[in-house]
């Protein structure tokens, strides 16, 4: 029987090739369930309203209609995570809401501008 990270992988005959994982050790089950609960609590905690260019939309993985700036509502994880995700888009995105996220990005941009000025 094949194993994956301490889990036994079982396949049922006549099913798609997606393995069903069964825990070999009960001590892993409690850890994994706690991890999943924490992960779900952090996943998509809100939405951000952004203005985005076609290039920014492509890089973010959202559909952009038209050839100029467009508004989009994007699901986000906590502010710390969203901050990094939107920063990587540079000038191709403007965060309009939530204000806390827009303020953090603006502060980071000011810090970077000061750092890289002559």
PDB file of N, CA and C in Angstrom:
ATOM      1  N   UNK A   1       0.846  -1.184   0.000  1.00  0.00           N
ATOM      2  CA  UNK A   1       0.000   0.000   0.000  1.00  0.00           C
ATOM      3  C   UNK A   1       0.890   1.244   0.000  1.00  0.00           C
ATOM      4  N   UNK A   2       0.740   2.174  -0.949  1.00  0.00           N
ATOM      5  CA  UNK A   2       1.576   3.380  -0.987  1.00  0.00           C
ATOM      6  C   UNK A   2       1.267   4.314   0.179  1.00  0.00           C
ATOM      7  N   UNK A   3       2.273   5.110   0.568  1.00  0.00           N
ATOM      8  CA  UNK A   3       2.116   6.056   1.665  1.00  0.00           C
ATOM      9  C   UNK A   3       2.516   7.447   1.205  1.00  0.00           C
ATOM     10  N   UNK A   4       1.900   8.452   1.785  1.00  0.00           N
ATOM     11  CA  UNK A   4       2.178   9.842   1.462  1.00  0.00           C
ATOM     12  C   UNK A   4       2.187  10.633   2.758  1.00  0.00           C
ATOM     13  N   UNK A   5       3.338  11.146   3.166  1.00  0.00           N
ATOM     14  CA  UNK A   5       3.465  11.969   4.377  1.00  0.00           C
ATOM     15  C   UNK A   5       2.792  11.333   5.583  1.00  0.00           C
ATOM     16  N   UNK A   6       3.050  10.068   5.821  1.00  0.00           N
ATOM     17  CA  UNK A   6       2.493   9.398   6.982  1.00  0.00           C
ATOM     18  C   UNK A   6       1.058   8.955   6.808  1.00  0.00           C
ATOM     19  N   UNK A   7       0.498   9.110   5.615  1.00  0.00           N
ATOM     20  CA  UNK A   7      -0.878   8.705   5.350  1.00  0.00           C
ATOM     21  C   UNK A   7      -0.867   7.535   4.377  1.00  0.00           C
ATOM     22  N   UNK A   8      -1.787   6.634   4.557  1.00  0.00           N
ATOM     23  CA  UNK A   8      -1.932   5.525   3.626  1.00  0.00           C
ATOM     24  C   UNK A   8      -2.837   5.998   2.496  1.00  0.00           C
ATOM     25  N   UNK A   9      -2.427   5.796   1.273  1.00  0.00           N
ATOM     26  CA  UNK A   9      -3.216   6.198   0.111  1.00  0.00           C
ATOM     27  C   UNK A   9      -3.982   4.989  -0.373  1.00  0.00           C
ATOM     28  N   UNK A  10      -5.296   5.113  -0.464  1.00  0.00           N
ATOM     29  CA  UNK A  10      -6.094   3.993  -0.950  1.00  0.00           C
ATOM     30  C   UNK A  10      -6.866   4.435  -2.177  1.00  0.00           C
ATOM     31  N   UNK A  11      -7.047   3.524  -3.094  1.00  0.00           N
ATOM     32  CA  UNK A  11      -7.805   3.789  -4.305  1.00  0.00           C
ATOM     33  C   UNK A  11      -8.933   2.769  -4.368  1.00  0.00           C
ATOM     34  N   UNK A  12     -10.089   3.224  -4.776  1.00  0.00           N
ATOM     35  CA  UNK A  12     -11.208   2.310  -4.969  1.00  0.00           C
ATOM     36  C   UNK A  12     -11.279   1.946  -6.444  1.00  0.00           C
ATOM     37  N   UNK A  13     -11.529   0.697  -6.738  1.00  0.00           N
ATOM     38  CA  UNK A  13     -11.607   0.243  -8.124  1.00  0.00           C
ATOM     39  C   UNK A  13     -12.758   0.940  -8.838  1.00  0.00           C
ATOM     40  N   UNK A  14     -12.508   1.340 -10.084  1.00  0.00           N
ATOM     41  CA  UNK A  14     -13.543   1.951 -10.899  1.00  0.00           C
ATOM     42  C   UNK A  14     -13.786   3.419 -10.609  1.00  0.00           C
ATOM     43  N   UNK A  15     -12.912   4.047  -9.838  1.00  0.00           N
ATOM     44  CA  UNK A  15     -13.091   5.469  -9.542  1.00  0.00           C
ATOM     45  C   UNK A  15     -12.013   6.275 -10.240  1.00  0.00           C
ATOM     46  N   UNK A  16     -12.207   7.562 -10.241  1.00  0.00           N
ATOM     47  CA  UNK A  16     -11.189   8.461 -10.797  1.00  0.00           C
ATOM     48  C   UNK A  16      -9.900   8.287 -10.021  1.00  0.00           C
ATOM     49  N   UNK A  17      -8.762   8.630 -10.616  1.00  0.00           N
ATOM     50  CA  UNK A  17      -7.478   8.392  -9.963  1.00  0.00           C
ATOM     51  C   UNK A  17      -7.143   9.394  -8.856  1.00  0.00           C
ATOM     52  N   UNK A  18      -8.142   9.892  -8.135  1.00  0.00           N
ATOM     53  CA  UNK A  18      -7.885  10.786  -7.014  1.00  0.00           C
ATOM     54  C   UNK A  18      -7.790   9.943  -5.759  1.00  0.00           C
ATOM     55  N   UNK A  19      -6.656   9.959  -5.073  1.00  0.00           N
ATOM     56  CA  UNK A  19      -6.516   9.102  -3.899  1.00  0.00           C
ATOM     57  C   UNK A  19      -7.335   9.625  -2.715  1.00  0.00           C
ATOM     58  N   UNK A  20      -7.792   8.712  -1.900  1.00  0.00           N
ATOM     59  CA  UNK A  20      -8.427   9.055  -0.638  1.00  0.00           C
ATOM     60  C   UNK A  20      -7.398   8.779   0.443  1.00  0.00           C
ATOM     61  N   UNK A  21      -7.133   9.773   1.242  1.00  0.00           N
ATOM     62  CA  UNK A  21      -6.109   9.624   2.266  1.00  0.00           C
ATOM     63  C   UNK A  21      -6.731   9.132   3.568  1.00  0.00           C
ATOM     64  N   UNK A  22      -6.126   8.139   4.159  1.00  0.00           N
ATOM     65  CA  UNK A  22      -6.534   7.665   5.473  1.00  0.00           C
ATOM     66  C   UNK A  22      -5.340   7.810   6.393  1.00  0.00           C
ATOM     67  N   UNK A  23      -5.575   8.315   7.580  1.00  0.00           N
ATOM     68  CA  UNK A  23      -4.474   8.539   8.515  1.00  0.00           C
ATOM     69  C   UNK A  23      -4.043   7.235   9.156  1.00  0.00           C
ATOM     70  N   UNK A  24      -2.753   6.993   9.114  1.00  0.00           N
ATOM     71  CA  UNK A  24      -2.212   5.796   9.748  1.00  0.00           C
ATOM     72  C   UNK A  24      -2.135   5.965  11.247  1.00  0.00           C
ATOM     73  N   UNK A  25      -1.899   7.165  11.711  1.00  0.00           N
ATOM     74  CA  UNK A  25      -1.698   7.414  13.133  1.00  0.00           C
ATOM     75  C   UNK A  25      -2.743   8.408  13.622  1.00  0.00           C
ATOM     76  N   UNK A  26      -3.430   8.072  14.683  1.00  0.00           N
ATOM     77  CA  UNK A  26      -4.467   8.955  15.216  1.00  0.00           C
ATOM     78  C   UNK A  26      -3.895  10.285  15.679  1.00  0.00           C
ATOM     79  N   UNK A  27      -2.630  10.317  16.082  1.00  0.00           N
ATOM     80  CA  UNK A  27      -2.049  11.568  16.556  1.00  0.00           C
ATOM     81  C   UNK A  27      -1.947  12.597  15.430  1.00  0.00           C
ATOM     82  N   UNK A  28      -1.845  12.172  14.178  1.00  0.00           N
ATOM     83  CA  UNK A  28      -1.808  13.098  13.047  1.00  0.00           C
ATOM     84  C   UNK A  28      -3.179  13.715  12.784  1.00  0.00           C
ATOM     85  N   UNK A  29      -4.235  12.961  13.038  1.00  0.00           N
ATOM     86  CA  UNK A  29      -5.589  13.420  12.726  1.00  0.00           C
ATOM     87  C   UNK A  29      -5.929  14.697  13.495  1.00  0.00           C
ATOM     88  N   UNK A  30      -5.615  14.749  14.769  1.00  0.00           N
ATOM     89  CA  UNK A  30      -5.903  15.943  15.571  1.00  0.00           C
ATOM     90  C   UNK A  30      -5.143  17.148  15.064  1.00  0.00           C
ATOM     91  N   UNK A  31      -3.869  16.958  14.738  1.00  0.00           N
ATOM     92  CA  UNK A  31      -3.055  18.053  14.202  1.00  0.00           C
ATOM     93  C   UNK A  31      -3.627  18.535  12.870  1.00  0.00           C
ATOM     94  N   UNK A  32      -3.946  17.624  11.982  1.00  0.00           N
ATOM     95  CA  UNK A  32      -4.445  17.984  10.662  1.00  0.00           C
ATOM     96  C   UNK A  32      -5.789  18.709  10.764  1.00  0.00           C
ATOM     97  N   UNK A  33      -6.696  18.227  11.607  1.00  0.00           N
ATOM     98  CA  UNK A  33      -7.995  18.885  11.766  1.00  0.00           C
ATOM     99  C   UNK A  33      -7.824  20.302  12.306  1.00  0.00           C
ATOM    100  N   UNK A  34      -6.889  20.502  13.244  1.00  0.00           N
ATOM    101  CA  UNK A  34      -6.613  21.842  13.759  1.00  0.00           C
ATOM    102  C   UNK A  34      -6.040  22.741  12.679  1.00  0.00           C
ATOM    103  N   UNK A  35      -5.150  22.195  11.879  1.00  0.00           N
ATOM    104  CA  UNK A  35      -4.562  22.959  10.775  1.00  0.00           C
ATOM    105  C   UNK A  35      -5.644  23.389   9.786  1.00  0.00           C
ATOM    106  N   UNK A  36      -6.530  22.468   9.417  1.00  0.00           N
ATOM    107  CA  UNK A  36      -7.592  22.794   8.470  1.00  0.00           C
ATOM    108  C   UNK A  36      -8.546  23.844   9.023  1.00  0.00           C
ATOM    109  N   UNK A  37      -8.881  23.767  10.294  1.00  0.00           N
ATOM    110  CA  UNK A  37      -9.769  24.767  10.899  1.00  0.00           C
ATOM    111  C   UNK A  37      -9.110  26.139  10.869  1.00  0.00           C
ATOM    112  N   UNK A  38      -7.816  26.198  11.178  1.00  0.00           N
ATOM    113  CA  UNK A  38      -7.091  27.468  11.144  1.00  0.00           C
ATOM    114  C   UNK A  38      -7.010  27.997   9.717  1.00  0.00           C
ATOM    115  N   UNK A  39      -6.735  27.125   8.759  1.00  0.00           N
ATOM    116  CA  UNK A  39      -6.648  27.514   7.357  1.00  0.00           C
ATOM    117  C   UNK A  39      -7.976  28.091   6.872  1.00  0.00           C
ATOM    118  N   UNK A  40      -9.068  27.410   7.172  1.00  0.00           N
ATOM    119  CA  UNK A  40     -10.390  27.889   6.734  1.00  0.00           C
ATOM    120  C   UNK A  40     -10.745  29.230   7.366  1.00  0.00           C
ATOM    121  N   UNK A  41     -10.319  29.452   8.611  1.00  0.00           N
ATOM    122  CA  UNK A  41     -10.612  30.719   9.282  1.00  0.00           C
ATOM    123  C   UNK A  41      -9.883  31.881   8.611  1.00  0.00           C
ATOM    124  N   UNK A  42      -8.715  31.592   8.010  1.00  0.00           N
ATOM    125  CA  UNK A  42      -7.927  32.644   7.364  1.00  0.00           C
ATOM    126  C   UNK A  42      -8.282  32.836   5.897  1.00  0.00           C
ATOM    127  N   UNK A  43      -8.998  31.916   5.314  1.00  0.00           N
ATOM    128  CA  UNK A  43      -9.282  31.934   3.885  1.00  0.00           C
ATOM    129  C   UNK A  43     -10.410  32.906   3.573  1.00  0.00           C
ATOM    130  N   UNK A  44     -10.163  33.816   2.679  1.00  0.00           N
ATOM    131  CA  UNK A  44     -11.151  34.787   2.201  1.00  0.00           C
ATOM    132  C   UNK A  44     -11.944  35.417   3.334  1.00  0.00           C
ATOM    133  N   UNK A  45     -11.270  36.315   4.029  1.00  0.00           N
ATOM    134  CA  UNK A  45     -11.893  36.984   5.159  1.00  0.00           C
ATOM    135  C   UNK A  45     -12.678  38.221   4.751  1.00  0.00           C
ATOM    136  N   UNK A  46     -12.629  38.603   3.491  1.00  0.00           N
ATOM    137  CA  UNK A  46     -13.355  39.778   3.028  1.00  0.00           C
ATOM    138  C   UNK A  46     -13.127  40.003   1.552  1.00  0.00           C
ATOM    139  N   UNK A  47     -13.492  41.200   1.110  1.00  0.00           N
ATOM    140  CA  UNK A  47     -13.321  41.588  -0.284  1.00  0.00           C
ATOM    141  C   UNK A  47     -12.554  42.895  -0.351  1.00  0.00           C
ATOM    142  N   UNK A  48     -11.852  43.089  -1.444  1.00  0.00           N
ATOM    143  CA  UNK A  48     -11.193  44.372  -1.725  1.00  0.00           C
ATOM    144  C   UNK A  48     -11.797  44.915  -3.010  1.00  0.00           C
ATOM    145  N   UNK A  49     -12.059  46.205  -3.011  1.00  0.00           N
ATOM    146  CA  UNK A  49     -12.497  46.889  -4.212  1.00  0.00           C
ATOM    147  C   UNK A  49     -11.259  47.528  -4.824  1.00  0.00           C
ATOM    148  N   UNK A  50     -10.953  47.169  -6.058  1.00  0.00           N
ATOM    149  CA  UNK A  50      -9.735  47.661  -6.706  1.00  0.00           C
ATOM    150  C   UNK A  50     -10.060  48.219  -8.081  1.00  0.00           C
ATOM    151  N   UNK A  51      -9.185  49.112  -8.534  1.00  0.00           N
ATOM    152  CA  UNK A  51      -9.125  49.516  -9.941  1.00  0.00           C
ATOM    153  C   UNK A  51      -7.905  48.814 -10.488  1.00  0.00           C
ATOM    154  N   UNK A  52      -8.046  48.231 -11.664  1.00  0.00           N
ATOM    155  CA  UNK A  52      -6.965  47.383 -12.165  1.00  0.00           C
ATOM    156  C   UNK A  52      -6.824  47.532 -13.675  1.00  0.00           C
ATOM    157  N   UNK A  53      -5.577  47.453 -14.141  1.00  0.00           N
ATOM    158  CA  UNK A  53      -5.295  47.496 -15.577  1.00  0.00           C
ATOM    159  C   UNK A  53      -5.471  46.096 -16.159  1.00  0.00           C
ATOM    160  N   UNK A  54      -5.549  45.988 -17.483  1.00  0.00           N
ATOM    161  CA  UNK A  54      -5.616  44.652 -18.089  1.00  0.00           C
ATOM    162  C   UNK A  54      -4.428  43.774 -17.680  1.00  0.00           C
ATOM    163  N   UNK A  55      -3.229  44.353 -17.621  1.00  0.00           N
ATOM    164  CA  UNK A  55      -2.043  43.574 -17.219  1.00  0.00           C
ATOM    165  C   UNK A  55      -2.159  43.128 -15.765  1.00  0.00           C
ATOM    166  N   UNK A  56      -2.614  44.010 -14.904  1.00  0.00           N
ATOM    167  CA  UNK A  56      -2.798  43.651 -13.500  1.00  0.00           C
ATOM    168  C   UNK A  56      -3.828  42.547 -13.336  1.00  0.00           C
ATOM    169  N   UNK A  57      -4.903  42.624 -14.096  1.00  0.00           N
ATOM    170  CA  UNK A  57      -5.938  41.589 -14.040  1.00  0.00           C
ATOM    171  C   UNK A  57      -5.369  40.247 -14.487  1.00  0.00           C
ATOM    172  N   UNK A  58      -4.595  40.269 -15.573  1.00  0.00           N
ATOM    173  CA  UNK A  58      -3.982  39.024 -16.051  1.00  0.00           C
ATOM    174  C   UNK A  58      -3.098  38.412 -14.982  1.00  0.00           C
ATOM    175  N   UNK A  59      -2.268  39.234 -14.351  1.00  0.00           N
ATOM    176  CA  UNK A  59      -1.355  38.738 -13.324  1.00  0.00           C
ATOM    177  C   UNK A  59      -2.087  38.278 -12.069  1.00  0.00           C
ATOM    178  N   UNK A  60      -3.230  38.898 -11.777  1.00  0.00           N
ATOM    179  CA  UNK A  60      -4.022  38.514 -10.607  1.00  0.00           C
ATOM    180  C   UNK A  60      -4.896  37.300 -10.894  1.00  0.00           C
ATOM    181  N   UNK A  61      -5.115  37.015 -12.174  1.00  0.00           N
ATOM    182  CA  UNK A  61      -5.914  35.858 -12.558  1.00  0.00           C
ATOM    183  C   UNK A  61      -7.402  36.149 -12.603  1.00  0.00           C
ATOM    184  N   UNK A  62      -7.773  37.413 -12.863  1.00  0.00           N
ATOM    185  CA  UNK A  62      -9.183  37.760 -13.008  1.00  0.00           C
ATOM    186  C   UNK A  62      -9.439  38.228 -14.429  1.00  0.00           C
ATOM    187  N   UNK A  63     -10.676  38.106 -14.876  1.00  0.00           N
ATOM    188  CA  UNK A  63     -11.047  38.504 -16.230  1.00  0.00           C
ATOM    189  C   UNK A  63     -11.225  40.008 -16.286  1.00  0.00           C
ATOM    190  N   UNK A  64     -10.654  40.632 -17.289  1.00  0.00           N
ATOM    191  CA  UNK A  64     -10.741  42.084 -17.482  1.00  0.00           C
ATOM    192  C   UNK A  64     -11.424  42.328 -18.814  1.00  0.00           C
ATOM    193  N   UNK A  65     -12.477  43.112 -18.793  1.00  0.00           N
ATOM    194  CA  UNK A  65     -13.193  43.450 -20.021  1.00  0.00           C
ATOM    195  C   UNK A  65     -12.800  44.864 -20.412  1.00  0.00           C
ATOM    196  N   UNK A  66     -12.337  45.058 -21.609  1.00  0.00           N
ATOM    197  CA  UNK A  66     -11.973  46.383 -22.076  1.00  0.00           C
ATOM    198  C   UNK A  66     -10.474  46.570 -22.137  1.00  0.00           C
ATOM    199  N   UNK A  67     -10.072  47.825 -22.385  1.00  0.00           N
ATOM    200  CA  UNK A  67      -8.650  48.083 -22.582  1.00  0.00           C
ATOM    201  C   UNK A  67      -8.097  49.134 -21.617  1.00  0.00           C
ATOM    202  N   UNK A  68      -8.883  49.607 -20.683  1.00  0.00           N
ATOM    203  CA  UNK A  68      -8.402  50.601 -19.722  1.00  0.00           C
ATOM    204  C   UNK A  68      -8.533  50.080 -18.304  1.00  0.00           C
ATOM    205  N   UNK A  69      -8.595  51.011 -17.366  1.00  0.00           N
ATOM    206  CA  UNK A  69      -8.781  50.640 -15.964  1.00  0.00           C
ATOM    207  C   UNK A  69     -10.197  50.112 -15.756  1.00  0.00           C
ATOM    208  N   UNK A  70     -10.341  49.131 -14.902  1.00  0.00           N
ATOM    209  CA  UNK A  70     -11.647  48.576 -14.565  1.00  0.00           C
ATOM    210  C   UNK A  70     -11.721  48.359 -13.066  1.00  0.00           C
ATOM    211  N   UNK A  71     -12.917  48.419 -12.524  1.00  0.00           N
ATOM    212  CA  UNK A  71     -13.112  48.114 -11.113  1.00  0.00           C
ATOM    213  C   UNK A  71     -13.416  46.638 -10.960  1.00  0.00           C
ATOM    214  N   UNK A  72     -12.926  46.066  -9.874  1.00  0.00           N
ATOM    215  CA  UNK A  72     -13.195  44.660  -9.587  1.00  0.00           C
ATOM    216  C   UNK A  72     -13.300  44.476  -8.088  1.00  0.00           C
ATOM    217  N   UNK A  73     -14.145  43.571  -7.666  1.00  0.00           N
ATOM    218  CA  UNK A  73     -14.231  43.172  -6.270  1.00  0.00           C
ATOM    219  C   UNK A  73     -13.535  41.817  -6.184  1.00  0.00           C
ATOM    220  N   UNK A  74     -12.492  41.759  -5.355  1.00  0.00           N
ATOM    221  CA  UNK A  74     -11.632  40.582  -5.280  1.00  0.00           C
ATOM    222  C   UNK A  74     -11.664  40.020  -3.867  1.00  0.00           C
ATOM    223  N   UNK A  75     -11.925  38.702  -3.715  1.00  0.00           N
ATOM    224  CA  UNK A  75     -11.872  38.117  -2.369  1.00  0.00           C
ATOM    225  C   UNK A  75     -10.433  38.156  -1.854  1.00  0.00           C
ATOM    226  N   UNK A  76     -10.278  38.492  -0.576  1.00  0.00           N
ATOM    227  CA  UNK A  76      -8.938  38.567   0.009  1.00  0.00           C
ATOM    228  C   UNK A  76      -8.867  37.760   1.291  1.00  0.00           C
ATOM    229  N   UNK A  77      -7.645  37.375   1.616  1.00  0.00           N
ATOM    230  CA  UNK A  77      -7.346  36.787   2.904  1.00  0.00           C
ATOM    231  C   UNK A  77      -7.049  37.945   3.848  1.00  0.00           C
ATOM    232  N   UNK A  78      -6.525  37.710   5.027  1.00  0.00           N
ATOM    233  CA  UNK A  78      -6.266  38.827   5.943  1.00  0.00           C
ATOM    234  C   UNK A  78      -5.426  39.933   5.295  1.00  0.00           C
ATOM    235  N   UNK A  79      -5.506  41.129   5.865  1.00  0.00           N
ATOM    236  CA  UNK A  79      -4.844  42.316   5.332  1.00  0.00           C
ATOM    237  C   UNK A  79      -3.356  42.067   5.091  1.00  0.00           C
ATOM    238  N   UNK A  80      -2.663  41.396   6.005  1.00  0.00           N
ATOM    239  CA  UNK A  80      -1.228  41.131   5.833  1.00  0.00           C
ATOM    240  C   UNK A  80      -0.952  40.395   4.528  1.00  0.00           C
ATOM    241  N   UNK A  81      -1.751  39.402   4.229  1.00  0.00           N
ATOM    242  CA  UNK A  81      -1.553  38.621   3.015  1.00  0.00           C
ATOM    243  C   UNK A  81      -1.940  39.435   1.779  1.00  0.00           C
ATOM    244  N   UNK A  82      -3.083  40.103   1.827  1.00  0.00           N
ATOM    245  CA  UNK A  82      -3.551  40.896   0.691  1.00  0.00           C
ATOM    246  C   UNK A  82      -2.566  42.013   0.359  1.00  0.00           C
ATOM    247  N   UNK A  83      -1.951  42.595   1.385  1.00  0.00           N
ATOM    248  CA  UNK A  83      -0.955  43.658   1.210  1.00  0.00           C
ATOM    249  C   UNK A  83       0.152  43.186   0.270  1.00  0.00           C
ATOM    250  N   UNK A  84       0.714  42.035   0.538  1.00  0.00           N
ATOM    251  CA  UNK A  84       1.779  41.491  -0.307  1.00  0.00           C
ATOM    252  C   UNK A  84       1.300  41.129  -1.697  1.00  0.00           C
ATOM    253  N   UNK A  85       0.100  40.557  -1.787  1.00  0.00           N
ATOM    254  CA  UNK A  85      -0.429  40.154  -3.090  1.00  0.00           C
ATOM    255  C   UNK A  85      -0.651  41.364  -3.997  1.00  0.00           C
ATOM    256  N   UNK A  86      -1.206  42.445  -3.455  1.00  0.00           N
ATOM    257  CA  UNK A  86      -1.453  43.620  -4.284  1.00  0.00           C
ATOM    258  C   UNK A  86      -0.167  44.396  -4.560  1.00  0.00           C
ATOM    259  N   UNK A  87       0.772  44.392  -3.630  1.00  0.00           N
ATOM    260  CA  UNK A  87       2.048  45.074  -3.884  1.00  0.00           C
ATOM    261  C   UNK A  87       2.775  44.481  -5.081  1.00  0.00           C
ATOM    262  N   UNK A  88       2.663  43.195  -5.260  1.00  0.00           N
ATOM    263  CA  UNK A  88       3.370  42.556  -6.380  1.00  0.00           C
ATOM    264  C   UNK A  88       2.836  43.017  -7.727  1.00  0.00           C
ATOM    265  N   UNK A  89       1.637  43.624  -7.751  1.00  0.00           N
ATOM    266  CA  UNK A  89       1.076  44.125  -8.996  1.00  0.00           C
ATOM    267  C   UNK A  89       1.551  45.533  -9.318  1.00  0.00           C
ATOM    268  N   UNK A  90       2.249  46.170  -8.373  1.00  0.00           N
ATOM    269  CA  UNK A  90       2.818  47.487  -8.608  1.00  0.00           C
ATOM    270  C   UNK A  90       1.782  48.510  -9.023  1.00  0.00           C
ATOM    271  N   UNK A  91       2.093  49.249 -10.090  1.00  0.00           N
ATOM    272  CA  UNK A  91       1.237  50.343 -10.554  1.00  0.00           C
ATOM    273  C   UNK A  91       0.036  49.858 -11.358  1.00  0.00           C
ATOM    274  N   UNK A  92      -0.150  48.537 -11.503  1.00  0.00           N
ATOM    275  CA  UNK A  92      -1.279  48.006 -12.259  1.00  0.00           C
ATOM    276  C   UNK A  92      -2.536  47.834 -11.417  1.00  0.00           C
ATOM    277  N   UNK A  93      -2.485  48.252 -10.143  1.00  0.00           N
ATOM    278  CA  UNK A  93      -3.651  48.125  -9.271  1.00  0.00           C
ATOM    279  C   UNK A  93      -3.728  49.313  -8.322  1.00  0.00           C
ATOM    280  N   UNK A  94      -4.950  49.710  -8.002  1.00  0.00           N
ATOM    281  CA  UNK A  94      -5.201  50.728  -6.982  1.00  0.00           C
ATOM    282  C   UNK A  94      -6.261  50.155  -6.046  1.00  0.00           C
ATOM    283  N   UNK A  95      -5.921  50.002  -4.778  1.00  0.00           N
ATOM    284  CA  UNK A  95      -6.875  49.484  -3.800  1.00  0.00           C
ATOM    285  C   UNK A  95      -7.744  50.636  -3.325  1.00  0.00           C
ATOM    286  N   UNK A  96      -9.033  50.513  -3.526  1.00  0.00           N
ATOM    287  CA  UNK A  96      -9.976  51.551  -3.119  1.00  0.00           C
ATOM    288  C   UNK A  96     -10.618  51.224  -1.767  1.00  0.00           C
ATOM    289  N   UNK A  97     -10.773  49.957  -1.447  1.00  0.00           N
ATOM    290  CA  UNK A  97     -11.331  49.524  -0.170  1.00  0.00           C
ATOM    291  C   UNK A  97     -10.858  48.098   0.075  1.00  0.00           C
ATOM    292  N   UNK A  98     -10.653  47.704   1.312  1.00  0.00           N
ATOM    293  CA  UNK A  98     -10.849  48.458   2.539  1.00  0.00           C
ATOM    294  C   UNK A  98      -9.758  49.520   2.725  1.00  0.00           C
ATOM    295  N   UNK A  99     -10.112  50.565   3.433  1.00  0.00           N
ATOM    296  CA  UNK A  99      -9.191  51.689   3.637  1.00  0.00           C
ATOM    297  C   UNK A  99      -7.901  51.253   4.322  1.00  0.00           C
ATOM    298  N   UNK A 100      -7.988  50.345   5.269  1.00  0.00           N
ATOM    299  CA  UNK A 100      -6.789  49.874   5.983  1.00  0.00           C
ATOM    300  C   UNK A 100      -5.775  49.278   5.015  1.00  0.00           C
ATOM    301  N   UNK A 101      -6.249  48.518   4.035  1.00  0.00           N
ATOM    302  CA  UNK A 101      -5.360  47.903   3.058  1.00  0.00           C
ATOM    303  C   UNK A 101      -4.750  48.964   2.147  1.00  0.00           C
ATOM    304  N   UNK A 102      -5.566  49.895   1.664  1.00  0.00           N
ATOM    305  CA  UNK A 102      -5.049  50.976   0.825  1.00  0.00           C
ATOM    306  C   UNK A 102      -4.022  51.826   1.555  1.00  0.00           C
ATOM    307  N   UNK A 103      -4.278  52.105   2.834  1.00  0.00           N
ATOM    308  CA  UNK A 103      -3.339  52.898   3.637  1.00  0.00           C
ATOM    309  C   UNK A 103      -2.004  52.182   3.813  1.00  0.00           C
ATOM    310  N   UNK A 104      -2.042  50.871   4.052  1.00  0.00           N
ATOM    311  CA  UNK A 104      -0.794  50.107   4.222  1.00  0.00           C
ATOM    312  C   UNK A 104       0.015  50.075   2.940  1.00  0.00           C
ATOM    313  N   UNK A 105      -0.656  49.919   1.819  1.00  0.00           N
ATOM    314  CA  UNK A 105       0.054  49.902   0.538  1.00  0.00           C
ATOM    315  C   UNK A 105       0.657  51.275   0.263  1.00  0.00           C
ATOM    316  N   UNK A 106      -0.087  52.346   0.537  1.00  0.00           N
ATOM    317  CA  UNK A 106       0.436  53.697   0.336  1.00  0.00           C
ATOM    318  C   UNK A 106       1.657  53.945   1.214  1.00  0.00           C
ATOM    319  N   UNK A 107       1.618  53.496   2.462  1.00  0.00           N
ATOM    320  CA  UNK A 107       2.762  53.674   3.361  1.00  0.00           C
ATOM    321  C   UNK A 107       3.981  52.908   2.851  1.00  0.00           C
ATOM    322  N   UNK A 108       3.765  51.698   2.374  1.00  0.00           N
ATOM    323  CA  UNK A 108       4.870  50.911   1.821  1.00  0.00           C
ATOM    324  C   UNK A 108       5.444  51.601   0.580  1.00  0.00           C
ATOM    325  N   UNK A 109       4.579  52.131  -0.272  1.00  0.00           N
ATOM    326  CA  UNK A 109       5.048  52.827  -1.478  1.00  0.00           C
ATOM    327  C   UNK A 109       5.873  54.058  -1.105  1.00  0.00           C
ATOM    328  N   UNK A 110       5.423  54.796  -0.079  1.00  0.00           N
ATOM    329  CA  UNK A 110       6.199  55.967   0.363  1.00  0.00           C
ATOM    330  C   UNK A 110       7.561  55.543   0.905  1.00  0.00           C
ATOM    331  N   UNK A 111       7.605  54.479   1.668  1.00  0.00           N
ATOM    332  CA  UNK A 111       8.857  53.973   2.220  1.00  0.00           C
ATOM    333  C   UNK A 111       9.805  53.563   1.096  1.00  0.00           C
ATOM    334  N   UNK A 112       9.286  52.854   0.108  1.00  0.00           N
ATOM    335  CA  UNK A 112      10.115  52.425  -1.012  1.00  0.00           C
ATOM    336  C   UNK A 112      10.605  53.619  -1.835  1.00  0.00           C
ATOM    337  N   UNK A 113       9.738  54.589  -2.065  1.00  0.00           N
ATOM    338  CA  UNK A 113      10.146  55.776  -2.823  1.00  0.00           C
ATOM    339  C   UNK A 113      11.262  56.511  -2.111  1.00  0.00           C
ATOM    340  N   UNK A 114      11.151  56.658  -0.791  1.00  0.00           N
ATOM    341  CA  UNK A 114      12.208  57.315  -0.011  1.00  0.00           C
ATOM    342  C   UNK A 114      13.518  56.525  -0.101  1.00  0.00           C
ATOM    343  N   UNK A 115      13.410  55.231   0.000  1.00  0.00           N
ATOM    344  CA  UNK A 115      14.597  54.366  -0.017  1.00  0.00           C
ATOM    345  C   UNK A 115      15.332  54.454  -1.359  1.00  0.00           C
ATOM    346  N   UNK A 116      14.598  54.532  -2.446  1.00  0.00           N
ATOM    347  CA  UNK A 116      15.219  54.478  -3.765  1.00  0.00           C
ATOM    348  C   UNK A 116      15.459  55.830  -4.408  1.00  0.00           C
ATOM    349  N   UNK A 117      15.058  56.919  -3.760  1.00  0.00           N
ATOM    350  CA  UNK A 117      15.364  58.245  -4.297  1.00  0.00           C
ATOM    351  C   UNK A 117      16.866  58.481  -4.192  1.00  0.00           C
ATOM    352  N   UNK A 118      17.446  58.989  -5.280  1.00  0.00           N
ATOM    353  CA  UNK A 118      18.845  59.340  -5.409  1.00  0.00           C
ATOM    354  C   UNK A 118      19.691  59.110  -4.254  1.00  0.00           C
TER     355      UNK A 118
END
